[in-house]
């Protein structure tokens, strides 16, 4: 089953009299359970593709289908420079329920400890997990995530007391907390040394296999590319090669 589909997606930025096509007429499909990598050099459009996939950025042209929903079917192309107010809330709900994010800068809340940072998405809105998990079940789920990412001894520590690799583990567990079907990771190893980077990738691959969570990476890290079972190579906003194993 396709979780994410791009149909002739373009993203156009206007700079004075010049139009820059950051993404140019891209069509692709991400299937359930994939460990996918969008790979390309800096400026190739890979982060823009990930942002469109995560409903953070709007496409200028084309169709985005997420979990069978045509996201922008009611939005005119001419209105896609900003998110219409009537659409903003719906996009927020879709992101909360269907998509987890892992950023290269971690984006943890400094005043919260590990457990609180992981648990916070369950207090925001009505995601499937926040509705279904109550009391003891929710506590057990958070404990499971903390244990799975190897932070049981650090669950009361705040981000400033953790290493970069540990902070990224918190970010991964937080992304998984709502039991969303797809995790988007933008250069998740960029701010880590090679040892911690390898451990994070092994952890994500383990979670992909055990929880059947779909992972999509924006990356130029060849280690991620070599581990992916679906590689989308892009240059100047175009897909130049696509490999599925």
C-alpha atoms as a PDB file:
ATOM      1  CA  UNK A   1       0.000   0.000   0.000  1.00  0.00           C
ATOM      2  CA  UNK A   2       1.304   3.480  -0.910  1.00  0.00           C
ATOM      3  CA  UNK A   3       1.526   5.736   2.145  1.00  0.00           C
ATOM      4  CA  UNK A   4       2.822   8.738   0.215  1.00  0.00           C
ATOM      5  CA  UNK A   5       2.386   9.615  -3.449  1.00  0.00           C
ATOM      6  CA  UNK A   6       3.692  12.563  -5.431  1.00  0.00           C
ATOM      7  CA  UNK A   7       1.983  13.142  -8.767  1.00  0.00           C
ATOM      8  CA  UNK A   8       3.795  15.702 -10.932  1.00  0.00           C
ATOM      9  CA  UNK A   9       4.909  17.755  -7.945  1.00  0.00           C
ATOM     10  CA  UNK A  10       6.798  21.017  -8.475  1.00  0.00           C
ATOM     11  CA  UNK A  11       7.927  23.685  -6.026  1.00  0.00           C
ATOM     12  CA  UNK A  12       8.693  27.062  -7.552  1.00  0.00           C
ATOM     13  CA  UNK A  13      10.334  29.955  -5.732  1.00  0.00           C
ATOM     14  CA  UNK A  14      10.194  33.438  -7.218  1.00  0.00           C
ATOM     15  CA  UNK A  15      13.300  35.586  -6.753  1.00  0.00           C
ATOM     16  CA  UNK A  16      12.621  38.979  -8.286  1.00  0.00           C
ATOM     17  CA  UNK A  17      12.195  38.206 -11.992  1.00  0.00           C
ATOM     18  CA  UNK A  18      13.635  34.685 -11.777  1.00  0.00           C
ATOM     19  CA  UNK A  19      11.751  31.463 -11.064  1.00  0.00           C
ATOM     20  CA  UNK A  20      13.670  28.670  -9.327  1.00  0.00           C
ATOM     21  CA  UNK A  21      12.171  25.184  -9.611  1.00  0.00           C
ATOM     22  CA  UNK A  22      13.467  23.534  -6.428  1.00  0.00           C
ATOM     23  CA  UNK A  23      11.385  20.440  -7.271  1.00  0.00           C
ATOM     24  CA  UNK A  24      10.443  19.928 -10.905  1.00  0.00           C
ATOM     25  CA  UNK A  25       7.611  17.600 -11.995  1.00  0.00           C
ATOM     26  CA  UNK A  26       8.414  14.774  -9.555  1.00  0.00           C
ATOM     27  CA  UNK A  27       6.267  11.639  -9.303  1.00  0.00           C
ATOM     28  CA  UNK A  28       7.013   8.900  -6.778  1.00  0.00           C
ATOM     29  CA  UNK A  29       5.411   6.451  -4.392  1.00  0.00           C
ATOM     30  CA  UNK A  30       6.537   5.424  -0.894  1.00  0.00           C
ATOM     31  CA  UNK A  31       5.121   2.086   0.168  1.00  0.00           C
ATOM     32  CA  UNK A  32       4.203   0.952   3.649  1.00  0.00           C
ATOM     33  CA  UNK A  33       7.193  -0.465   5.559  1.00  0.00           C
ATOM     34  CA  UNK A  34       9.885   0.986   3.307  1.00  0.00           C
ATOM     35  CA  UNK A  35      13.263   2.299   4.492  1.00  0.00           C
ATOM     36  CA  UNK A  36      13.609   4.970   1.822  1.00  0.00           C
ATOM     37  CA  UNK A  37      16.299   7.554   1.093  1.00  0.00           C
ATOM     38  CA  UNK A  38      15.997  10.709  -0.983  1.00  0.00           C
ATOM     39  CA  UNK A  39      19.620  11.336  -1.890  1.00  0.00           C
ATOM     40  CA  UNK A  40      21.390  14.178  -3.622  1.00  0.00           C
ATOM     41  CA  UNK A  41      23.928  16.987  -3.175  1.00  0.00           C
ATOM     42  CA  UNK A  42      23.197  20.206  -1.306  1.00  0.00           C
ATOM     43  CA  UNK A  43      20.668  22.300  -3.214  1.00  0.00           C
ATOM     44  CA  UNK A  44      19.287  19.357  -5.174  1.00  0.00           C
ATOM     45  CA  UNK A  45      15.780  19.690  -3.697  1.00  0.00           C
ATOM     46  CA  UNK A  46      15.757  16.734  -1.305  1.00  0.00           C
ATOM     47  CA  UNK A  47      14.840  18.725   1.824  1.00  0.00           C
ATOM     48  CA  UNK A  48      12.121  20.540  -0.125  1.00  0.00           C
ATOM     49  CA  UNK A  49      10.685  17.170  -1.159  1.00  0.00           C
ATOM     50  CA  UNK A  50      10.717  16.003   2.456  1.00  0.00           C
ATOM     51  CA  UNK A  51       9.019  19.207   3.618  1.00  0.00           C
ATOM     52  CA  UNK A  52       6.271  18.793   1.012  1.00  0.00           C
ATOM     53  CA  UNK A  53       5.898  15.165   2.069  1.00  0.00           C
ATOM     54  CA  UNK A  54       5.594  16.281   5.701  1.00  0.00           C
ATOM     55  CA  UNK A  55       2.958  18.921   4.850  1.00  0.00           C
ATOM     56  CA  UNK A  56       5.292  21.658   6.082  1.00  0.00           C
ATOM     57  CA  UNK A  57       5.719  23.232   2.655  1.00  0.00           C
ATOM     58  CA  UNK A  58       3.058  23.519  -0.043  1.00  0.00           C
ATOM     59  CA  UNK A  59       3.686  22.352  -3.609  1.00  0.00           C
ATOM     60  CA  UNK A  60       3.283  24.911  -6.392  1.00  0.00           C
ATOM     61  CA  UNK A  61       1.941  22.273  -8.763  1.00  0.00           C
ATOM     62  CA  UNK A  62       0.781  18.674  -8.614  1.00  0.00           C
ATOM     63  CA  UNK A  63      -0.938  16.293  -6.216  1.00  0.00           C
ATOM     64  CA  UNK A  64       0.117  14.943  -2.824  1.00  0.00           C
ATOM     65  CA  UNK A  65      -1.671  11.800  -1.634  1.00  0.00           C
ATOM     66  CA  UNK A  66      -1.050  10.790   1.972  1.00  0.00           C
ATOM     67  CA  UNK A  67      -2.568   7.582   3.325  1.00  0.00           C
ATOM     68  CA  UNK A  68      -5.077   7.659   0.479  1.00  0.00           C
ATOM     69  CA  UNK A  69      -6.067  11.314   0.994  1.00  0.00           C
ATOM     70  CA  UNK A  70      -5.623  13.910  -1.768  1.00  0.00           C
ATOM     71  CA  UNK A  71      -4.327  16.654   0.494  1.00  0.00           C
ATOM     72  CA  UNK A  72      -4.736  19.744  -1.675  1.00  0.00           C
ATOM     73  CA  UNK A  73      -7.639  18.819  -3.925  1.00  0.00           C
ATOM     74  CA  UNK A  74      -9.670  21.849  -2.786  1.00  0.00           C
ATOM     75  CA  UNK A  75      -6.807  24.370  -2.968  1.00  0.00           C
ATOM     76  CA  UNK A  76      -6.274  26.372  -6.140  1.00  0.00           C
ATOM     77  CA  UNK A  77      -2.702  26.428  -7.452  1.00  0.00           C
ATOM     78  CA  UNK A  78      -2.714  30.221  -7.364  1.00  0.00           C
ATOM     79  CA  UNK A  79      -3.345  30.102  -3.609  1.00  0.00           C
ATOM     80  CA  UNK A  80      -0.428  27.837  -2.773  1.00  0.00           C
ATOM     81  CA  UNK A  81       2.031  30.532  -1.777  1.00  0.00           C
ATOM     82  CA  UNK A  82       0.611  30.470   1.756  1.00  0.00           C
ATOM     83  CA  UNK A  83      -1.476  27.919   3.625  1.00  0.00           C
ATOM     84  CA  UNK A  84      -5.169  28.944   3.649  1.00  0.00           C
ATOM     85  CA  UNK A  85      -6.546  29.280   7.176  1.00  0.00           C
ATOM     86  CA  UNK A  86      -9.259  26.723   6.479  1.00  0.00           C
ATOM     87  CA  UNK A  87      -6.565  24.204   5.541  1.00  0.00           C
ATOM     88  CA  UNK A  88      -4.060  24.966   8.292  1.00  0.00           C
ATOM     89  CA  UNK A  89      -5.900  23.058  11.028  1.00  0.00           C
ATOM     90  CA  UNK A  90      -6.475  20.034   8.806  1.00  0.00           C
ATOM     91  CA  UNK A  91      -2.784  19.875   7.885  1.00  0.00           C
ATOM     92  CA  UNK A  92      -1.865  20.083  11.565  1.00  0.00           C
ATOM     93  CA  UNK A  93      -4.150  17.142  12.353  1.00  0.00           C
ATOM     94  CA  UNK A  94      -2.718  15.097   9.482  1.00  0.00           C
ATOM     95  CA  UNK A  95       0.859  15.772  10.565  1.00  0.00           C
ATOM     96  CA  UNK A  96       0.022  14.882  14.155  1.00  0.00           C
ATOM     97  CA  UNK A  97      -1.732  11.623  13.262  1.00  0.00           C
ATOM     98  CA  UNK A  98       0.279  10.311  10.322  1.00  0.00           C
ATOM     99  CA  UNK A  99       3.805  11.755  10.397  1.00  0.00           C
ATOM    100  CA  UNK A 100       6.686  11.743  12.845  1.00  0.00           C
ATOM    101  CA  UNK A 101       9.662  14.049  12.348  1.00  0.00           C
ATOM    102  CA  UNK A 102      13.324  13.538  13.212  1.00  0.00           C
ATOM    103  CA  UNK A 103      15.380  16.690  12.684  1.00  0.00           C
ATOM    104  CA  UNK A 104      19.163  16.983  12.468  1.00  0.00           C
ATOM    105  CA  UNK A 105      19.091  19.612  15.259  1.00  0.00           C
ATOM    106  CA  UNK A 106      17.006  17.365  17.573  1.00  0.00           C
ATOM    107  CA  UNK A 107      14.535  20.163  18.578  1.00  0.00           C
ATOM    108  CA  UNK A 108      14.046  18.886  22.123  1.00  0.00           C
ATOM    109  CA  UNK A 109      12.447  21.044  24.817  1.00  0.00           C
ATOM    110  CA  UNK A 110      15.295  22.046  27.189  1.00  0.00           C
ATOM    111  CA  UNK A 111      13.222  22.242  30.402  1.00  0.00           C
ATOM    112  CA  UNK A 112      11.734  18.755  29.957  1.00  0.00           C
ATOM    113  CA  UNK A 113      13.507  15.503  30.757  1.00  0.00           C
ATOM    114  CA  UNK A 114      13.844  12.526  28.405  1.00  0.00           C
ATOM    115  CA  UNK A 115      10.565  10.932  29.409  1.00  0.00           C
ATOM    116  CA  UNK A 116       8.637  14.207  29.184  1.00  0.00           C
ATOM    117  CA  UNK A 117      10.093  15.051  25.762  1.00  0.00           C
ATOM    118  CA  UNK A 118       9.042  11.661  24.412  1.00  0.00           C
ATOM    119  CA  UNK A 119       5.577  11.830  25.946  1.00  0.00           C
ATOM    120  CA  UNK A 120       4.650  15.379  24.904  1.00  0.00           C
ATOM    121  CA  UNK A 121       3.166  14.497  21.460  1.00  0.00           C
ATOM    122  CA  UNK A 122       0.568  12.380  23.264  1.00  0.00           C
ATOM    123  CA  UNK A 123      -0.757  15.530  24.948  1.00  0.00           C
ATOM    124  CA  UNK A 124      -1.221  17.395  21.672  1.00  0.00           C
ATOM    125  CA  UNK A 125      -4.525  16.742  19.943  1.00  0.00           C
ATOM    126  CA  UNK A 126      -6.246  13.452  19.206  1.00  0.00           C
ATOM    127  CA  UNK A 127      -3.661  11.225  17.576  1.00  0.00           C
ATOM    128  CA  UNK A 128      -4.557   7.506  17.451  1.00  0.00           C
ATOM    129  CA  UNK A 129      -2.144   6.747  20.280  1.00  0.00           C
ATOM    130  CA  UNK A 130      -3.279   9.625  22.519  1.00  0.00           C
ATOM    131  CA  UNK A 131      -6.881   8.432  22.169  1.00  0.00           C
ATOM    132  CA  UNK A 132      -6.212   4.725  22.646  1.00  0.00           C
ATOM    133  CA  UNK A 133      -3.503   4.908  25.323  1.00  0.00           C
ATOM    134  CA  UNK A 134      -4.631   5.891  28.791  1.00  0.00           C
ATOM    135  CA  UNK A 135      -3.094   5.636  32.249  1.00  0.00           C
ATOM    136  CA  UNK A 136      -1.020   2.500  32.684  1.00  0.00           C
ATOM    137  CA  UNK A 137      -1.005   1.638  28.974  1.00  0.00           C
ATOM    138  CA  UNK A 138       0.403   5.025  28.043  1.00  0.00           C
ATOM    139  CA  UNK A 139       3.057   4.784  30.747  1.00  0.00           C
ATOM    140  CA  UNK A 140       4.044   1.307  29.568  1.00  0.00           C
ATOM    141  CA  UNK A 141       4.261   2.514  25.947  1.00  0.00           C
ATOM    142  CA  UNK A 142       6.592   5.388  26.891  1.00  0.00           C
ATOM    143  CA  UNK A 143       8.695   2.989  29.000  1.00  0.00           C
ATOM    144  CA  UNK A 144       8.898   0.642  26.009  1.00  0.00           C
ATOM    145  CA  UNK A 145      10.123   3.444  23.737  1.00  0.00           C
ATOM    146  CA  UNK A 146      12.686   4.630  26.277  1.00  0.00           C
ATOM    147  CA  UNK A 147      13.996   1.086  26.668  1.00  0.00           C
ATOM    148  CA  UNK A 148      13.983   0.462  22.912  1.00  0.00           C
ATOM    149  CA  UNK A 149      16.182   3.493  22.213  1.00  0.00           C
ATOM    150  CA  UNK A 150      18.496   2.552  25.088  1.00  0.00           C
ATOM    151  CA  UNK A 151      17.833   5.445  27.464  1.00  0.00           C
ATOM    152  CA  UNK A 152      16.324   3.750  30.531  1.00  0.00           C
ATOM    153  CA  UNK A 153      19.119   5.043  32.746  1.00  0.00           C
ATOM    154  CA  UNK A 154      18.742   8.567  31.365  1.00  0.00           C
ATOM    155  CA  UNK A 155      14.972   9.073  31.406  1.00  0.00           C
ATOM    156  CA  UNK A 156      15.073  11.760  34.122  1.00  0.00           C
ATOM    157  CA  UNK A 157      17.901  13.704  32.471  1.00  0.00           C
ATOM    158  CA  UNK A 158      17.339  16.886  30.496  1.00  0.00           C
ATOM    159  CA  UNK A 159      18.727  17.438  26.961  1.00  0.00           C
ATOM    160  CA  UNK A 160      21.707  19.499  28.174  1.00  0.00           C
ATOM    161  CA  UNK A 161      22.858  16.452  30.157  1.00  0.00           C
ATOM    162  CA  UNK A 162      22.858  14.157  27.108  1.00  0.00           C
ATOM    163  CA  UNK A 163      25.278  13.524  24.261  1.00  0.00           C
ATOM    164  CA  UNK A 164      24.320  14.282  20.663  1.00  0.00           C
ATOM    165  CA  UNK A 165      23.615  10.624  19.979  1.00  0.00           C
ATOM    166  CA  UNK A 166      21.409  10.354  23.052  1.00  0.00           C
ATOM    167  CA  UNK A 167      19.456  13.460  22.053  1.00  0.00           C
ATOM    168  CA  UNK A 168      18.818  11.961  18.640  1.00  0.00           C
ATOM    169  CA  UNK A 169      17.543   8.780  20.308  1.00  0.00           C
ATOM    170  CA  UNK A 170      15.075  10.907  22.279  1.00  0.00           C
ATOM    171  CA  UNK A 171      13.973  12.571  19.039  1.00  0.00           C
ATOM    172  CA  UNK A 172      13.390   9.178  17.412  1.00  0.00           C
ATOM    173  CA  UNK A 173      11.349   7.900  20.367  1.00  0.00           C
ATOM    174  CA  UNK A 174       9.320  11.130  20.368  1.00  0.00           C
ATOM    175  CA  UNK A 175       8.568  10.685  16.663  1.00  0.00           C
ATOM    176  CA  UNK A 176       7.317   7.166  17.363  1.00  0.00           C
ATOM    177  CA  UNK A 177       5.203   8.099  20.411  1.00  0.00           C
ATOM    178  CA  UNK A 178       1.977   8.729  18.482  1.00  0.00           C
ATOM    179  CA  UNK A 179       2.333   5.439  16.557  1.00  0.00           C
ATOM    180  CA  UNK A 180       2.248   7.319  13.260  1.00  0.00           C
ATOM    181  CA  UNK A 181       2.853   5.174  10.169  1.00  0.00           C
ATOM    182  CA  UNK A 182       5.663   7.226   8.613  1.00  0.00           C
ATOM    183  CA  UNK A 183       8.768   8.913  10.029  1.00  0.00           C
ATOM    184  CA  UNK A 184      10.508  11.648   8.039  1.00  0.00           C
ATOM    185  CA  UNK A 185      14.164  12.202   8.923  1.00  0.00           C
ATOM    186  CA  UNK A 186      16.089  15.198   7.562  1.00  0.00           C
ATOM    187  CA  UNK A 187      19.833  14.459   7.645  1.00  0.00           C
ATOM    188  CA  UNK A 188      19.493  12.645  11.010  1.00  0.00           C
ATOM    189  CA  UNK A 189      23.223  11.829  11.251  1.00  0.00           C
ATOM    190  CA  UNK A 190      24.578  15.221  10.105  1.00  0.00           C
ATOM    191  CA  UNK A 191      25.425  16.466  13.610  1.00  0.00           C
ATOM    192  CA  UNK A 192      26.732  13.143  14.923  1.00  0.00           C
ATOM    193  CA  UNK A 193      30.161  11.534  14.841  1.00  0.00           C
ATOM    194  CA  UNK A 194      30.503   8.371  12.776  1.00  0.00           C
ATOM    195  CA  UNK A 195      30.093   5.986  15.747  1.00  0.00           C
ATOM    196  CA  UNK A 196      26.905   7.629  17.020  1.00  0.00           C
ATOM    197  CA  UNK A 197      25.651   8.021  13.456  1.00  0.00           C
ATOM    198  CA  UNK A 198      26.043   4.295  12.827  1.00  0.00           C
ATOM    199  CA  UNK A 199      24.230   3.447  16.061  1.00  0.00           C
ATOM    200  CA  UNK A 200      21.327   5.743  15.181  1.00  0.00           C
ATOM    201  CA  UNK A 201      20.984   4.179  11.732  1.00  0.00           C
ATOM    202  CA  UNK A 202      21.037   0.657  13.181  1.00  0.00           C
ATOM    203  CA  UNK A 203      18.353   1.699  15.676  1.00  0.00           C
ATOM    204  CA  UNK A 204      16.141   3.143  12.940  1.00  0.00           C
ATOM    205  CA  UNK A 205      16.554   0.033  10.815  1.00  0.00           C
ATOM    206  CA  UNK A 206      15.629  -2.125  13.823  1.00  0.00           C
ATOM    207  CA  UNK A 207      12.491  -0.058  14.459  1.00  0.00           C
ATOM    208  CA  UNK A 208      11.588  -0.240  10.771  1.00  0.00           C
ATOM    209  CA  UNK A 209      11.693  -4.035  10.901  1.00  0.00           C
ATOM    210  CA  UNK A 210      10.129  -4.577  14.328  1.00  0.00           C
ATOM    211  CA  UNK A 211       7.395  -1.915  14.313  1.00  0.00           C
ATOM    212  CA  UNK A 212       6.875  -1.876  10.507  1.00  0.00           C
ATOM    213  CA  UNK A 213       7.231   1.916  10.623  1.00  0.00           C
ATOM    214  CA  UNK A 214       8.020   3.520   7.281  1.00  0.00           C
ATOM    215  CA  UNK A 215      11.142   5.718   7.280  1.00  0.00           C
ATOM    216  CA  UNK A 216      11.946   8.327   4.641  1.00  0.00           C
ATOM    217  CA  UNK A 217      15.301  10.114   4.797  1.00  0.00           C
ATOM    218  CA  UNK A 218      16.601  13.249   3.144  1.00  0.00           C
ATOM    219  CA  UNK A 219      20.340  12.641   3.033  1.00  0.00           C
ATOM    220  CA  UNK A 220      23.681  12.761   1.299  1.00  0.00           C
ATOM    221  CA  UNK A 221      25.073  10.156   3.733  1.00  0.00           C
ATOM    222  CA  UNK A 222      26.050   7.129   1.677  1.00  0.00           C
ATOM    223  CA  UNK A 223      25.642   4.836   4.702  1.00  0.00           C
ATOM    224  CA  UNK A 224      21.933   5.628   4.773  1.00  0.00           C
ATOM    225  CA  UNK A 225      21.705   5.138   1.015  1.00  0.00           C
ATOM    226  CA  UNK A 226      23.382   1.732   1.266  1.00  0.00           C
ATOM    227  CA  UNK A 227      20.921   0.601   3.963  1.00  0.00           C
ATOM    228  CA  UNK A 228      17.786   1.828   2.156  1.00  0.00           C
ATOM    229  CA  UNK A 229      15.532  -0.555   0.218  1.00  0.00           C
ATOM    230  CA  UNK A 230      14.197   2.342  -1.858  1.00  0.00           C
ATOM    231  CA  UNK A 231      16.642   4.984  -3.105  1.00  0.00           C
ATOM    232  CA  UNK A 232      15.500   8.126  -4.916  1.00  0.00           C
ATOM    233  CA  UNK A 233      18.456  10.053  -6.354  1.00  0.00           C
ATOM    234  CA  UNK A 234      17.747  13.634  -7.324  1.00  0.00           C
ATOM    235  CA  UNK A 235      19.628  16.474  -8.980  1.00  0.00           C
ATOM    236  CA  UNK A 236      18.384  20.014  -9.680  1.00  0.00           C
ATOM    237  CA  UNK A 237      14.891  19.061  -8.551  1.00  0.00           C
ATOM    238  CA  UNK A 238      14.601  16.037 -10.875  1.00  0.00           C
ATOM    239  CA  UNK A 239      14.660  12.321 -10.095  1.00  0.00           C
ATOM    240  CA  UNK A 240      17.648  10.990 -12.010  1.00  0.00           C
ATOM    241  CA  UNK A 241      17.538   7.414 -10.680  1.00  0.00           C
ATOM    242  CA  UNK A 242      15.186   5.318  -8.568  1.00  0.00           C
ATOM    243  CA  UNK A 243      16.151   1.923  -7.150  1.00  0.00           C
ATOM    244  CA  UNK A 244      13.863  -0.455  -5.242  1.00  0.00           C
ATOM    245  CA  UNK A 245      15.211  -3.612  -3.620  1.00  0.00           C
END
